[in-house]
N, C-alpha and C. Protein backbone atom coordinates (compact mmCIF):
# COMPACT_ATOMS: atom_id res chain seq x y z
N MET A 1 -5.86 16.59 -9.42
CA MET A 1 -6.72 17.09 -10.49
C MET A 1 -6.81 18.62 -10.37
N LEU A 2 -6.51 19.38 -11.25
CA LEU A 2 -6.73 20.93 -11.23
C LEU A 2 -8.06 21.35 -11.76
N THR A 3 -8.68 22.12 -10.83
CA THR A 3 -10.02 22.53 -11.23
C THR A 3 -9.96 23.36 -12.46
N ASP A 4 -11.09 23.63 -13.08
CA ASP A 4 -11.31 24.41 -14.44
C ASP A 4 -10.76 25.75 -14.16
N ASP A 5 -10.98 26.38 -13.08
CA ASP A 5 -10.60 27.75 -12.82
C ASP A 5 -9.08 27.85 -12.44
N GLY A 6 -8.49 26.61 -12.25
CA GLY A 6 -6.97 26.76 -11.94
C GLY A 6 -6.70 27.20 -10.50
N LYS A 7 -7.68 27.28 -9.61
CA LYS A 7 -7.46 27.77 -8.31
C LYS A 7 -7.27 26.74 -7.30
N HIS A 8 -7.63 25.44 -7.58
CA HIS A 8 -7.45 24.38 -6.67
C HIS A 8 -6.91 23.09 -7.35
N LEU A 9 -6.03 22.57 -6.67
CA LEU A 9 -5.44 21.24 -7.17
C LEU A 9 -5.70 20.22 -6.15
N TYR A 10 -6.41 19.19 -6.39
CA TYR A 10 -6.83 18.14 -5.62
C TYR A 10 -5.90 16.96 -5.92
N VAL A 11 -5.18 16.36 -4.94
CA VAL A 11 -4.18 15.34 -5.14
C VAL A 11 -4.60 14.07 -4.37
N SER A 12 -4.78 12.94 -5.01
CA SER A 12 -4.98 11.60 -4.35
C SER A 12 -3.82 11.09 -3.76
N TYR A 13 -3.94 10.04 -2.93
CA TYR A 13 -2.81 9.39 -2.31
C TYR A 13 -1.90 8.88 -3.31
N ASP A 14 -2.49 8.16 -4.40
CA ASP A 14 -1.68 7.52 -5.44
C ASP A 14 -0.81 8.67 -6.12
N GLU A 15 -1.48 9.78 -6.44
CA GLU A 15 -0.88 10.84 -7.27
C GLU A 15 0.19 11.36 -6.38
N TYR A 16 -0.10 11.68 -5.14
CA TYR A 16 0.89 12.10 -4.14
C TYR A 16 2.21 11.20 -4.10
N HIS A 17 2.01 9.99 -3.91
CA HIS A 17 3.16 9.07 -3.89
C HIS A 17 3.85 8.98 -5.10
N ASN A 18 3.21 8.97 -6.29
CA ASN A 18 3.70 9.09 -7.65
C ASN A 18 4.70 10.22 -7.86
N LEU A 19 4.30 11.45 -7.27
CA LEU A 19 5.08 12.60 -7.38
C LEU A 19 6.32 12.61 -6.49
N ILE A 20 6.30 12.02 -5.34
CA ILE A 20 7.39 11.76 -4.51
C ILE A 20 8.42 10.88 -5.19
N GLU A 21 7.96 9.82 -5.88
CA GLU A 21 8.84 8.85 -6.59
C GLU A 21 9.54 9.62 -7.88
N LYS A 22 8.73 10.53 -8.30
CA LYS A 22 9.29 11.28 -9.65
C LYS A 22 10.31 12.22 -9.00
N LEU A 23 10.18 12.71 -7.83
CA LEU A 23 11.10 13.66 -7.13
C LEU A 23 12.42 12.85 -6.91
N ALA A 24 12.19 11.69 -6.39
CA ALA A 24 13.36 10.86 -6.19
C ALA A 24 14.22 10.64 -7.57
N ILE A 25 13.48 10.46 -8.57
CA ILE A 25 14.09 10.23 -9.80
C ILE A 25 14.96 11.48 -10.32
N LYS A 26 14.35 12.64 -10.14
CA LYS A 26 14.92 13.79 -10.42
C LYS A 26 16.35 14.09 -9.67
N VAL A 27 16.20 13.84 -8.41
CA VAL A 27 17.43 13.91 -7.52
C VAL A 27 18.53 12.86 -8.01
N HIS A 28 18.02 11.68 -8.22
CA HIS A 28 19.04 10.53 -8.52
C HIS A 28 19.65 10.95 -9.97
N GLN A 29 18.80 11.44 -10.88
CA GLN A 29 19.35 11.71 -12.26
C GLN A 29 20.32 12.92 -12.33
N SER A 30 20.24 13.68 -11.26
CA SER A 30 21.23 14.80 -11.20
C SER A 30 22.69 14.43 -10.91
N GLY A 31 22.68 13.26 -10.31
CA GLY A 31 23.98 12.67 -10.08
C GLY A 31 24.53 13.20 -8.78
N TRP A 32 23.91 14.05 -7.98
CA TRP A 32 24.41 14.63 -6.75
C TRP A 32 24.26 13.67 -5.65
N GLU A 33 25.36 13.40 -4.93
CA GLU A 33 25.46 12.50 -3.78
C GLU A 33 25.28 13.42 -2.57
N PHE A 34 24.48 12.97 -1.70
CA PHE A 34 24.24 13.75 -0.40
C PHE A 34 24.35 12.79 0.76
N ASP A 35 24.49 13.42 1.95
CA ASP A 35 24.67 12.54 3.19
C ASP A 35 23.49 12.36 4.00
N THR A 36 22.64 13.41 4.05
CA THR A 36 21.44 13.44 4.98
C THR A 36 20.36 14.15 4.22
N ILE A 37 19.13 13.68 4.59
CA ILE A 37 17.93 14.36 4.13
C ILE A 37 17.38 15.12 5.45
N LEU A 38 17.08 16.41 5.17
CA LEU A 38 16.53 17.10 6.33
C LEU A 38 15.08 17.59 5.74
N CYS A 39 14.12 17.09 6.38
CA CYS A 39 12.77 17.44 6.02
C CYS A 39 12.13 18.61 6.96
N LEU A 40 11.27 19.43 6.37
CA LEU A 40 10.61 20.32 7.14
C LEU A 40 9.29 19.82 7.70
N ALA A 41 9.10 19.81 8.94
CA ALA A 41 7.74 19.27 9.47
C ALA A 41 6.81 20.52 9.47
N ARG A 42 5.60 20.27 8.93
CA ARG A 42 5.00 19.00 8.78
C ARG A 42 5.09 18.48 7.22
N GLY A 43 4.98 19.58 6.33
CA GLY A 43 4.72 19.24 4.87
C GLY A 43 5.87 18.41 4.30
N GLY A 44 6.99 18.45 4.67
CA GLY A 44 8.09 17.70 4.16
C GLY A 44 8.47 16.32 4.74
N MET A 45 7.56 16.02 5.83
CA MET A 45 7.87 14.79 6.46
C MET A 45 7.53 13.51 5.69
N ARG A 46 6.42 13.54 4.96
CA ARG A 46 6.16 12.34 4.15
C ARG A 46 6.95 12.15 2.96
N PRO A 47 7.40 13.23 2.15
CA PRO A 47 8.33 13.13 1.07
C PRO A 47 9.71 12.81 1.67
N GLY A 48 9.98 13.40 2.81
CA GLY A 48 11.35 13.19 3.34
C GLY A 48 11.55 11.74 3.85
N ASP A 49 10.49 11.19 4.50
CA ASP A 49 10.63 9.78 4.87
C ASP A 49 10.77 8.87 3.70
N ILE A 50 9.97 9.10 2.64
CA ILE A 50 10.16 8.24 1.32
C ILE A 50 11.46 8.35 0.86
N LEU A 51 11.94 9.52 0.58
CA LEU A 51 13.27 9.82 0.01
C LEU A 51 14.38 9.11 0.86
N SER A 52 14.24 9.21 2.24
CA SER A 52 15.14 8.67 3.12
C SER A 52 15.22 7.11 2.99
N ARG A 53 14.18 6.41 2.64
CA ARG A 53 14.10 5.09 2.39
C ARG A 53 14.66 4.71 1.08
N VAL A 54 14.23 5.52 0.02
CA VAL A 54 14.71 5.25 -1.35
C VAL A 54 16.32 5.38 -1.56
N PHE A 55 16.74 6.40 -0.97
CA PHE A 55 18.28 6.71 -0.98
C PHE A 55 19.12 6.04 0.09
N ASP A 56 18.38 5.49 1.16
CA ASP A 56 19.08 4.84 2.32
C ASP A 56 19.90 5.84 2.97
N LYS A 57 19.42 7.05 3.26
CA LYS A 57 20.11 8.06 3.97
C LYS A 57 19.24 8.44 5.33
N PRO A 58 20.13 8.83 6.28
CA PRO A 58 19.41 9.29 7.48
C PRO A 58 18.47 10.52 7.27
N LEU A 59 17.38 10.50 8.10
CA LEU A 59 16.44 11.52 7.94
C LEU A 59 16.54 12.48 9.16
N ALA A 60 16.72 13.73 8.91
CA ALA A 60 16.77 14.65 10.05
C ALA A 60 15.51 15.51 9.92
N ILE A 61 14.93 16.07 10.93
CA ILE A 61 13.80 16.87 11.05
C ILE A 61 13.89 18.24 11.69
N MET A 62 13.33 19.17 11.03
CA MET A 62 13.33 20.64 11.46
C MET A 62 11.84 20.95 11.42
N SER A 63 11.35 21.59 12.43
CA SER A 63 9.96 22.04 12.57
C SER A 63 9.97 23.54 12.12
N THR A 64 8.95 23.75 11.32
CA THR A 64 8.62 25.09 10.91
C THR A 64 7.11 25.23 10.96
N SER A 65 6.59 26.48 11.06
CA SER A 65 5.15 26.53 11.07
C SER A 65 4.88 28.05 10.54
N SER A 66 3.96 28.30 9.54
CA SER A 66 3.63 29.49 9.16
C SER A 66 2.07 29.51 8.78
N TYR A 67 1.42 28.44 8.64
CA TYR A 67 -0.01 28.38 8.24
C TYR A 67 -0.71 27.86 9.53
N ARG A 68 -1.45 28.86 10.17
CA ARG A 68 -2.18 28.69 11.33
C ARG A 68 -3.67 29.11 11.24
N ALA A 69 -3.90 30.17 10.68
CA ALA A 69 -5.15 30.77 10.66
C ALA A 69 -6.14 30.10 9.69
N ASN A 70 -7.40 30.09 9.95
CA ASN A 70 -8.49 29.62 9.05
C ASN A 70 -8.15 28.11 8.69
N ALA A 71 -7.90 27.31 9.57
CA ALA A 71 -7.64 25.92 9.26
C ALA A 71 -6.34 25.71 8.44
N GLY A 72 -5.48 26.52 8.66
CA GLY A 72 -4.20 26.33 8.02
C GLY A 72 -4.23 26.83 6.60
N THR A 73 -5.12 27.82 6.20
CA THR A 73 -5.11 28.28 4.84
C THR A 73 -4.57 29.72 4.65
N VAL A 74 -4.28 30.26 5.87
CA VAL A 74 -3.78 31.82 5.81
C VAL A 74 -2.40 31.73 6.50
N GLN A 75 -1.41 32.26 5.60
CA GLN A 75 0.04 32.23 6.12
C GLN A 75 0.15 33.29 7.15
N GLY A 76 0.82 33.09 8.32
CA GLY A 76 1.02 33.99 9.38
C GLY A 76 2.58 34.06 9.56
N HIS A 77 2.98 34.41 10.82
CA HIS A 77 4.37 34.48 11.24
C HIS A 77 5.05 33.20 11.11
N LEU A 78 6.29 33.21 10.54
CA LEU A 78 7.11 32.08 10.35
C LEU A 78 7.79 31.70 11.64
N ASP A 79 7.69 30.50 12.09
CA ASP A 79 8.43 30.05 13.21
C ASP A 79 9.31 28.96 12.64
N ILE A 80 10.68 29.01 13.05
CA ILE A 80 11.63 28.00 12.58
C ILE A 80 12.28 27.44 13.97
N ALA A 81 12.23 26.14 14.10
CA ALA A 81 12.72 25.55 15.38
C ALA A 81 14.26 25.89 15.39
N ARG A 82 14.80 25.95 16.64
CA ARG A 82 16.20 26.24 16.87
C ARG A 82 17.08 24.99 16.72
N TYR A 83 16.42 23.88 16.89
CA TYR A 83 17.14 22.61 16.92
C TYR A 83 16.70 21.72 15.82
N ILE A 84 17.65 20.85 15.30
CA ILE A 84 17.27 19.86 14.30
C ILE A 84 17.45 18.43 15.04
N THR A 85 16.57 17.66 14.73
CA THR A 85 16.39 16.28 15.23
C THR A 85 17.16 15.43 14.21
N THR A 86 18.30 14.85 14.62
CA THR A 86 18.99 13.90 13.63
C THR A 86 19.61 12.75 14.36
N PRO A 87 19.65 11.62 13.64
CA PRO A 87 20.13 10.36 14.27
C PRO A 87 21.67 10.39 14.48
N LYS A 88 22.33 11.43 13.72
CA LYS A 88 23.89 11.42 13.66
C LYS A 88 24.47 12.41 14.67
N GLY A 89 23.64 12.96 15.66
CA GLY A 89 24.31 14.06 16.46
C GLY A 89 24.15 15.33 16.03
N GLU A 90 24.95 15.73 15.03
CA GLU A 90 24.89 17.13 14.42
C GLU A 90 24.64 17.06 12.87
N ILE A 91 23.91 17.77 12.24
CA ILE A 91 23.72 17.69 10.94
C ILE A 91 25.04 18.23 10.16
N ALA A 92 25.58 17.56 9.20
CA ALA A 92 26.76 17.93 8.55
C ALA A 92 26.92 17.38 7.17
N GLY A 93 27.90 17.81 6.37
CA GLY A 93 28.04 17.24 5.10
C GLY A 93 27.12 17.89 4.00
N LYS A 94 26.86 17.08 3.05
CA LYS A 94 25.88 17.43 2.03
C LYS A 94 24.41 17.14 2.45
N VAL A 95 23.63 18.17 2.41
CA VAL A 95 22.28 18.03 3.05
C VAL A 95 21.22 18.26 1.91
N LEU A 96 20.23 17.43 1.75
CA LEU A 96 19.08 17.68 0.89
C LEU A 96 18.00 18.17 1.87
N LEU A 97 17.55 19.44 1.60
CA LEU A 97 16.40 19.91 2.27
C LEU A 97 15.09 19.54 1.54
N VAL A 98 14.15 18.93 2.26
CA VAL A 98 12.90 18.51 1.53
C VAL A 98 11.71 19.08 2.16
N ASP A 99 10.81 19.63 1.42
CA ASP A 99 9.53 20.13 1.81
C ASP A 99 8.51 19.66 0.79
N ASP A 100 7.28 19.86 1.00
CA ASP A 100 6.27 19.50 0.10
C ASP A 100 6.08 20.44 -1.12
N LEU A 101 6.24 21.87 -0.80
CA LEU A 101 6.00 22.75 -1.78
C LEU A 101 6.65 24.04 -1.52
N ALA A 102 6.98 24.71 -2.66
CA ALA A 102 7.45 26.24 -2.54
C ALA A 102 6.30 27.00 -2.94
N ASP A 103 5.51 27.49 -1.95
CA ASP A 103 4.28 28.15 -2.07
C ASP A 103 4.66 29.75 -2.27
N SER A 104 4.80 30.38 -1.20
CA SER A 104 5.37 31.79 -1.34
C SER A 104 6.94 31.74 -1.49
N GLY A 105 7.62 30.66 -0.91
CA GLY A 105 8.98 30.53 -0.96
C GLY A 105 9.69 31.16 0.23
N HIS A 106 8.91 31.81 1.14
CA HIS A 106 9.57 32.55 2.23
C HIS A 106 10.12 31.45 3.20
N THR A 107 9.31 30.37 3.51
CA THR A 107 9.86 29.40 4.43
C THR A 107 11.18 28.73 3.95
N LEU A 108 11.14 28.33 2.68
CA LEU A 108 12.33 27.65 2.21
C LEU A 108 13.51 28.70 2.08
N LYS A 109 13.31 29.81 1.66
CA LYS A 109 14.46 30.82 1.69
C LYS A 109 15.01 31.16 3.05
N ALA A 110 14.06 31.28 4.02
CA ALA A 110 14.45 31.57 5.44
C ALA A 110 15.23 30.35 6.11
N VAL A 111 14.81 29.13 5.77
CA VAL A 111 15.43 27.96 6.41
C VAL A 111 16.86 27.72 5.58
N MET A 112 16.78 27.94 4.37
CA MET A 112 18.18 27.78 3.62
C MET A 112 19.20 28.92 4.10
N ASP A 113 18.70 30.12 4.30
CA ASP A 113 19.57 31.14 4.94
C ASP A 113 20.10 30.69 6.31
N GLN A 114 19.08 30.23 7.19
CA GLN A 114 19.48 29.91 8.52
C GLN A 114 20.46 28.68 8.48
N LEU A 115 20.28 27.79 7.68
CA LEU A 115 21.17 26.66 7.55
C LEU A 115 22.70 27.03 7.16
N ARG A 116 22.55 27.96 6.07
CA ARG A 116 23.89 28.38 5.63
C ARG A 116 24.72 29.27 6.62
N ASN A 117 23.95 30.07 7.40
CA ASN A 117 24.54 30.96 8.38
C ASN A 117 24.97 30.25 9.68
N ASN A 118 24.04 29.31 10.08
CA ASN A 118 24.26 28.88 11.49
C ASN A 118 24.73 27.35 11.64
N TYR A 119 24.90 26.80 10.53
CA TYR A 119 25.42 25.39 10.54
C TYR A 119 26.52 25.27 9.79
N PRO A 120 27.65 25.59 10.18
CA PRO A 120 29.05 25.58 9.37
C PRO A 120 29.47 24.13 9.01
N PRO A 121 28.95 22.97 9.73
CA PRO A 121 29.29 21.65 9.27
C PRO A 121 28.56 21.25 8.02
N ILE A 122 27.48 22.01 7.59
CA ILE A 122 26.91 21.64 6.35
C ILE A 122 27.79 22.22 5.29
N THR A 123 28.27 21.41 4.34
CA THR A 123 29.26 21.70 3.33
C THR A 123 28.55 21.99 2.04
N GLU A 124 27.43 21.40 1.83
CA GLU A 124 26.62 21.68 0.49
C GLU A 124 25.07 21.45 0.89
N LEU A 125 24.31 22.34 0.25
CA LEU A 125 22.91 22.32 0.68
C LEU A 125 22.13 22.46 -0.55
N ARG A 126 21.19 21.64 -0.89
CA ARG A 126 20.26 21.57 -2.00
C ARG A 126 18.90 21.39 -1.52
N SER A 127 17.89 21.90 -2.27
CA SER A 127 16.49 21.78 -1.77
C SER A 127 15.54 20.99 -2.87
N ALA A 128 14.67 20.20 -2.41
CA ALA A 128 13.75 19.38 -3.29
C ALA A 128 12.27 19.66 -2.73
N VAL A 129 11.35 19.81 -3.74
CA VAL A 129 9.92 19.86 -3.29
C VAL A 129 9.17 19.26 -4.45
N ILE A 130 7.94 18.93 -4.16
CA ILE A 130 6.98 18.26 -5.12
C ILE A 130 6.46 19.35 -6.06
N TRP A 131 5.98 20.59 -5.40
CA TRP A 131 5.47 21.54 -6.30
C TRP A 131 6.05 22.95 -6.00
N THR A 132 6.30 23.69 -7.09
CA THR A 132 6.75 25.05 -7.04
C THR A 132 5.73 25.99 -7.73
N LYS A 133 5.07 26.88 -6.84
CA LYS A 133 4.20 27.88 -7.51
C LYS A 133 5.03 29.04 -8.19
N GLN A 134 4.29 29.62 -9.13
CA GLN A 134 4.86 30.75 -9.89
C GLN A 134 5.14 31.91 -8.91
N ALA A 135 4.23 32.05 -7.82
CA ALA A 135 4.43 33.18 -6.88
C ALA A 135 5.61 33.01 -5.95
N SER A 136 6.25 31.89 -5.97
CA SER A 136 7.41 31.59 -5.03
C SER A 136 8.54 32.44 -5.21
N ILE A 137 9.12 33.11 -4.24
CA ILE A 137 10.30 33.92 -4.29
C ILE A 137 11.58 33.06 -4.37
N PHE A 138 11.37 31.82 -4.07
CA PHE A 138 12.52 30.80 -3.96
C PHE A 138 12.36 29.80 -5.02
N THR A 139 13.45 29.41 -5.63
CA THR A 139 13.49 28.20 -6.73
C THR A 139 14.21 27.18 -6.20
N PRO A 140 13.51 26.12 -6.01
CA PRO A 140 14.36 24.86 -5.36
C PRO A 140 15.17 24.27 -6.35
N ASP A 141 16.11 23.48 -5.93
CA ASP A 141 16.95 22.82 -6.86
C ASP A 141 16.25 21.70 -7.72
N TYR A 142 15.34 21.01 -7.00
CA TYR A 142 14.55 20.04 -7.61
C TYR A 142 13.08 20.22 -7.31
N THR A 143 12.36 20.11 -8.37
CA THR A 143 10.82 20.21 -8.19
C THR A 143 10.29 19.34 -9.27
N VAL A 144 9.04 18.69 -9.01
CA VAL A 144 8.35 17.93 -10.00
C VAL A 144 7.39 18.64 -10.78
N GLU A 145 6.66 19.51 -10.20
CA GLU A 145 5.53 20.33 -10.91
C GLU A 145 5.57 21.71 -10.68
N PHE A 146 5.71 22.51 -11.69
CA PHE A 146 5.56 23.98 -11.57
C PHE A 146 4.11 24.40 -11.86
N LEU A 147 3.67 25.19 -10.89
CA LEU A 147 2.20 25.68 -11.03
C LEU A 147 2.10 27.01 -11.38
N PRO A 148 1.90 27.41 -12.64
CA PRO A 148 1.79 28.85 -13.08
C PRO A 148 0.55 29.51 -12.53
N SER A 149 -0.55 28.77 -12.14
CA SER A 149 -1.84 29.40 -11.75
C SER A 149 -1.70 29.55 -10.24
N ASN A 150 -0.81 29.11 -9.54
CA ASN A 150 -0.70 29.27 -7.96
C ASN A 150 -1.91 28.73 -7.31
N PRO A 151 -2.31 27.54 -7.66
CA PRO A 151 -3.59 26.89 -7.01
C PRO A 151 -3.26 26.59 -5.46
N TRP A 152 -4.52 26.53 -4.87
CA TRP A 152 -4.39 25.95 -3.40
C TRP A 152 -4.33 24.44 -3.71
N ILE A 153 -3.32 23.84 -2.94
CA ILE A 153 -3.11 22.40 -3.14
C ILE A 153 -3.89 21.65 -1.94
N HIS A 154 -4.78 20.73 -2.34
CA HIS A 154 -5.42 19.98 -1.38
C HIS A 154 -4.79 18.58 -1.41
N GLN A 155 -3.93 18.39 -0.32
CA GLN A 155 -3.28 17.12 -0.26
C GLN A 155 -4.26 16.09 0.42
N PRO A 156 -3.89 14.69 0.07
CA PRO A 156 -4.94 13.69 0.45
C PRO A 156 -5.06 13.47 2.02
N PHE A 157 -4.15 13.94 2.79
CA PHE A 157 -4.21 13.65 4.20
C PHE A 157 -4.74 14.88 5.04
N GLU A 158 -5.23 15.89 4.28
CA GLU A 158 -5.66 17.05 4.98
C GLU A 158 -7.06 16.88 5.70
N SER A 159 -7.68 15.77 5.31
CA SER A 159 -9.00 15.40 6.16
C SER A 159 -8.71 15.24 7.68
N TYR A 160 -7.47 14.88 7.92
CA TYR A 160 -7.10 14.76 9.38
C TYR A 160 -6.98 16.13 10.11
N ASP A 161 -6.87 17.14 9.35
CA ASP A 161 -6.81 18.55 9.99
C ASP A 161 -7.98 18.81 10.90
N SER A 162 -9.18 18.29 10.46
CA SER A 162 -10.31 18.63 11.12
C SER A 162 -10.89 17.45 11.91
N LEU A 163 -10.32 16.30 11.76
CA LEU A 163 -10.78 15.06 12.49
C LEU A 163 -10.27 15.09 13.83
N ARG A 164 -11.11 14.62 14.75
CA ARG A 164 -10.82 14.59 16.21
C ARG A 164 -11.09 13.17 16.73
N PRO A 165 -10.43 12.93 17.85
CA PRO A 165 -10.50 11.37 18.34
C PRO A 165 -11.95 10.95 18.50
N GLN A 166 -12.88 11.78 19.03
CA GLN A 166 -14.15 11.23 19.10
C GLN A 166 -14.77 10.87 17.82
N GLN A 167 -14.49 11.56 16.77
CA GLN A 167 -15.01 11.25 15.42
C GLN A 167 -14.47 9.88 14.99
N LEU A 168 -13.25 9.58 15.37
CA LEU A 168 -12.71 8.29 15.12
C LEU A 168 -13.43 7.25 15.80
N LEU A 169 -13.72 7.58 17.10
CA LEU A 169 -14.45 6.51 17.87
C LEU A 169 -15.86 6.23 17.25
N ASP A 170 -16.40 7.35 16.86
CA ASP A 170 -17.76 7.25 16.30
C ASP A 170 -17.66 6.37 14.97
N LYS A 171 -16.70 6.71 14.23
CA LYS A 171 -16.60 5.99 12.90
C LYS A 171 -16.19 4.59 13.10
N TRP A 172 -15.35 4.26 14.00
CA TRP A 172 -14.96 2.78 14.25
C TRP A 172 -15.71 2.15 15.35
N LYS A 173 -16.61 2.83 15.95
CA LYS A 173 -17.47 2.26 16.95
C LYS A 173 -16.69 1.40 17.95
N VAL A 174 -15.61 2.02 18.47
CA VAL A 174 -14.68 1.51 19.45
C VAL A 174 -15.33 1.61 20.78
């Protein structure tokens, strides 16, 4: 649900999963065949997992981080892992890079550049996200929703960002 001022987008679990399914449909309808899904941790892990299951393709993971300050609301220095975790030894062939959103676009652009320059076994590379904001400098190959007002997206699992083990113990009275 987009707030009246257009500055916040609140997404339920059902909406989130529906959007991932719509992303799968977009990729499928393009007719593009790929060998591996590479998701960016953390935001791309849930969409990547679901797409990996739907397309029956191996899931590789690359860790990136740029949102650290103010409970993850302020973008900072971009860290990109030097290694990719993949069940096939080395990532190769046609790769679908998956993340949750193209916010500023800097992360996706940097990762795409790194993959193209440092991973010659990758023969073709495309990107897929749920949301693309107007402010993004990067345009993914596949996106479900374009957000011209650049809202802050409140994803359904963000409540876990501030939840700690003691709070779970209190909640479940274990």
